[in-house]
Amino acid sequence: MRRVPVLLLALVLALTAFAESSNKKEAAAVTPVAHSSDANSMRAEGEQRFRANCGRCHAAPQKFPPRAMATVLRHMRVRATITDEDMRLVLFYMTQ
C-alpha cells in the first residue's frame, strides 16, 4: 500500500523535470541568435523554405508570438516532413 503514493510522487517529479527541460528547449528554439548580415540571409532562406514547404497549403504568414509559432511549426513539422533546419529557418522568418 505504501508503494502507490511513492510511485505517484516519482511520476509527478519525473513529469515536472520533463516539462522543465522541454520549456528550456522551446525557449532556445524561439530565440535564435544571429548577426545582422546573418539575419538577412536567414530571413531570406526562411522565406524560401516557407514557400517551398508551407506555401503549397498556406497563404503568406501572419506575425504570431514566437512561442505560438514554435508550437505550430513543431506540429506541422511532422505533417509536412520538414527538417530541423527548415523548421528553424521558417521560425526565424516568421518571427522577425
C-alpha atoms as a PDB file:
ATOM      1  CA  MET A   1       0.000   0.000   0.000  1.00  0.00           C
ATOM      2  CA  ARG A   2       2.883   2.390   0.650  1.00  0.00           C
ATOM      3  CA  ARG A   3       4.232   1.833  -2.857  1.00  0.00           C
ATOM      4  CA  VAL A   4       1.344   3.626  -4.595  1.00  0.00           C
ATOM      5  CA  PRO A   5       1.981   7.103  -3.067  1.00  0.00           C
ATOM      6  CA  VAL A   6       5.731   6.699  -3.635  1.00  0.00           C
ATOM      7  CA  LEU A   7       5.184   5.734  -7.260  1.00  0.00           C
ATOM      8  CA  LEU A   8       2.790   8.640  -7.772  1.00  0.00           C
ATOM      9  CA  LEU A   9       5.303  11.054  -6.263  1.00  0.00           C
ATOM     10  CA  ALA A  10       8.062   9.682  -8.510  1.00  0.00           C
ATOM     11  CA  LEU A  11       5.809  10.052 -11.557  1.00  0.00           C
ATOM     12  CA  VAL A  12       4.946  13.660 -10.682  1.00  0.00           C
ATOM     13  CA  LEU A  13       8.625  14.528 -10.173  1.00  0.00           C
ATOM     14  CA  ALA A  14       9.596  12.903 -13.469  1.00  0.00           C
ATOM     15  CA  LEU A  15       6.869  14.759 -15.371  1.00  0.00           C
ATOM     16  CA  THR A  16       7.880  18.051 -13.765  1.00  0.00           C
ATOM     17  CA  ALA A  17      11.511  17.523 -14.763  1.00  0.00           C
ATOM     18  CA  PHE A  18      10.459  16.626 -18.308  1.00  0.00           C
ATOM     19  CA  ALA A  19       8.265  19.738 -18.594  1.00  0.00           C
ATOM     20  CA  GLU A  20      11.088  21.992 -17.376  1.00  0.00           C
ATOM     21  CA  SER A  21      13.575  20.525 -19.853  1.00  0.00           C
ATOM     22  CA  SER A  22      11.130  20.883 -22.765  1.00  0.00           C
ATOM     23  CA  ASN A  23      10.466  24.523 -21.796  1.00  0.00           C
ATOM     24  CA  LYS A  24      14.205  25.226 -21.924  1.00  0.00           C
ATOM     25  CA  LYS A  25      14.446  23.616 -25.369  1.00  0.00           C
ATOM     26  CA  GLU A  26      11.459  25.631 -26.589  1.00  0.00           C
ATOM     27  CA  ALA A  27      12.948  28.876 -25.309  1.00  0.00           C
ATOM     28  CA  ALA A  28      16.192  28.105 -27.116  1.00  0.00           C
ATOM     29  CA  ALA A  29      14.329  27.353 -30.340  1.00  0.00           C
ATOM     30  CA  VAL A  30      12.296  30.544 -30.120  1.00  0.00           C
ATOM     31  CA  THR A  31      15.207  32.956 -29.795  1.00  0.00           C
ATOM     32  CA  PRO A  32      17.800  32.298 -32.491  1.00  0.00           C
ATOM     33  CA  VAL A  33      20.998  34.330 -32.167  1.00  0.00           C
ATOM     34  CA  ALA A  34      22.229  35.926 -35.369  1.00  0.00           C
ATOM     35  CA  HIS A  35      24.244  38.909 -36.564  1.00  0.00           C
ATOM     36  CA  SER A  36      22.542  41.438 -38.843  1.00  0.00           C
ATOM     37  CA  SER A  37      24.103  40.105 -42.061  1.00  0.00           C
ATOM     38  CA  ASP A  38      23.335  36.553 -40.986  1.00  0.00           C
ATOM     39  CA  ALA A  39      19.817  37.635 -40.017  1.00  0.00           C
ATOM     40  CA  ASN A  40      19.109  38.929 -43.520  1.00  0.00           C
ATOM     41  CA  SER A  41      20.327  35.727 -45.149  1.00  0.00           C
ATOM     42  CA  MET A  42      18.470  33.566 -42.607  1.00  0.00           C
ATOM     43  CA  ARG A  43      15.272  35.533 -43.207  1.00  0.00           C
ATOM     44  CA  ALA A  44      15.614  35.138 -46.984  1.00  0.00           C
ATOM     45  CA  GLU A  45      16.372  31.419 -46.656  1.00  0.00           C
ATOM     46  CA  GLY A  46      13.464  31.012 -44.239  1.00  0.00           C
ATOM     47  CA  GLU A  47      11.124  32.692 -46.701  1.00  0.00           C
ATOM     48  CA  GLN A  48      12.300  30.369 -49.483  1.00  0.00           C
ATOM     49  CA  ARG A  49      11.755  27.323 -47.301  1.00  0.00           C
ATOM     50  CA  PHE A  50       8.352  28.611 -46.204  1.00  0.00           C
ATOM     51  CA  ARG A  51       7.300  28.990 -49.839  1.00  0.00           C
ATOM     52  CA  ALA A  52       8.670  25.541 -50.751  1.00  0.00           C
ATOM     53  CA  ASN A  53       7.243  23.642 -47.769  1.00  0.00           C
ATOM     54  CA  CYS A  54       4.376  25.652 -46.305  1.00  0.00           C
ATOM     55  CA  GLY A  55       3.256  27.867 -49.174  1.00  0.00           C
ATOM     56  CA  ARG A  56       1.689  24.942 -51.002  1.00  0.00           C
ATOM     57  CA  CYS A  57      -1.148  24.906 -48.462  1.00  0.00           C
ATOM     58  CA  HIS A  58      -0.882  28.200 -46.563  1.00  0.00           C
ATOM     59  CA  ALA A  59      -1.080  31.875 -47.516  1.00  0.00           C
ATOM     60  CA  ALA A  60       1.577  34.417 -46.564  1.00  0.00           C
ATOM     61  CA  PRO A  61       2.340  34.228 -42.846  1.00  0.00           C
ATOM     62  CA  GLN A  62       0.875  36.450 -40.186  1.00  0.00           C
ATOM     63  CA  LYS A  63       3.021  37.561 -37.290  1.00  0.00           C
ATOM     64  CA  PHE A  64       2.398  35.466 -34.192  1.00  0.00           C
ATOM     65  CA  PRO A  65       4.243  35.402 -30.856  1.00  0.00           C
ATOM     66  CA  PRO A  66       7.414  33.268 -31.144  1.00  0.00           C
ATOM     67  CA  ARG A  67       6.207  30.629 -28.668  1.00  0.00           C
ATOM     68  CA  ALA A  68       2.929  30.146 -30.527  1.00  0.00           C
ATOM     69  CA  MET A  69       4.724  29.941 -33.867  1.00  0.00           C
ATOM     70  CA  ALA A  70       7.225  27.414 -32.477  1.00  0.00           C
ATOM     71  CA  THR A  71       4.334  25.219 -31.346  1.00  0.00           C
ATOM     72  CA  VAL A  72       2.626  25.444 -34.732  1.00  0.00           C
ATOM     73  CA  LEU A  73       5.851  24.623 -36.556  1.00  0.00           C
ATOM     74  CA  ARG A  74       6.551  21.602 -34.358  1.00  0.00           C
ATOM     75  CA  HIS A  75       3.117  20.200 -35.195  1.00  0.00           C
ATOM     76  CA  MET A  76       3.435  20.978 -38.885  1.00  0.00           C
ATOM     77  CA  ARG A  77       6.955  19.552 -38.997  1.00  0.00           C
ATOM     78  CA  VAL A  78       5.504  16.087 -38.593  1.00  0.00           C
ATOM     79  CA  ARG A  79       2.753  16.605 -41.150  1.00  0.00           C
ATOM     80  CA  ALA A  80       4.936  18.302 -43.769  1.00  0.00           C
ATOM     81  CA  THR A  81       8.054  16.197 -43.043  1.00  0.00           C
ATOM     82  CA  ILE A  82      10.377  19.192 -42.899  1.00  0.00           C
ATOM     83  CA  THR A  83      13.837  19.038 -41.384  1.00  0.00           C
ATOM     84  CA  ASP A  84      15.001  20.681 -38.161  1.00  0.00           C
ATOM     85  CA  GLU A  85      16.966  23.190 -40.234  1.00  0.00           C
ATOM     86  CA  ASP A  86      13.868  24.047 -42.298  1.00  0.00           C
ATOM     87  CA  MET A  87      11.854  24.471 -39.123  1.00  0.00           C
ATOM     88  CA  ARG A  88      14.481  26.713 -37.549  1.00  0.00           C
ATOM     89  CA  LEU A  89      14.752  28.954 -40.623  1.00  0.00           C
ATOM     90  CA  VAL A  90      10.991  29.184 -41.137  1.00  0.00           C
ATOM     91  CA  LEU A  91      10.584  30.059 -37.449  1.00  0.00           C
ATOM     92  CA  PHE A  92      13.191  32.810 -37.801  1.00  0.00           C
ATOM     93  CA  TYR A  93      11.437  34.156 -40.912  1.00  0.00           C
ATOM     94  CA  MET A  94       8.001  34.087 -39.324  1.00  0.00           C
ATOM     95  CA  THR A  95       9.003  35.745 -36.056  1.00  0.00           C
ATOM     96  CA  GLN A  96      11.126  38.599 -37.458  1.00  0.00           C
END
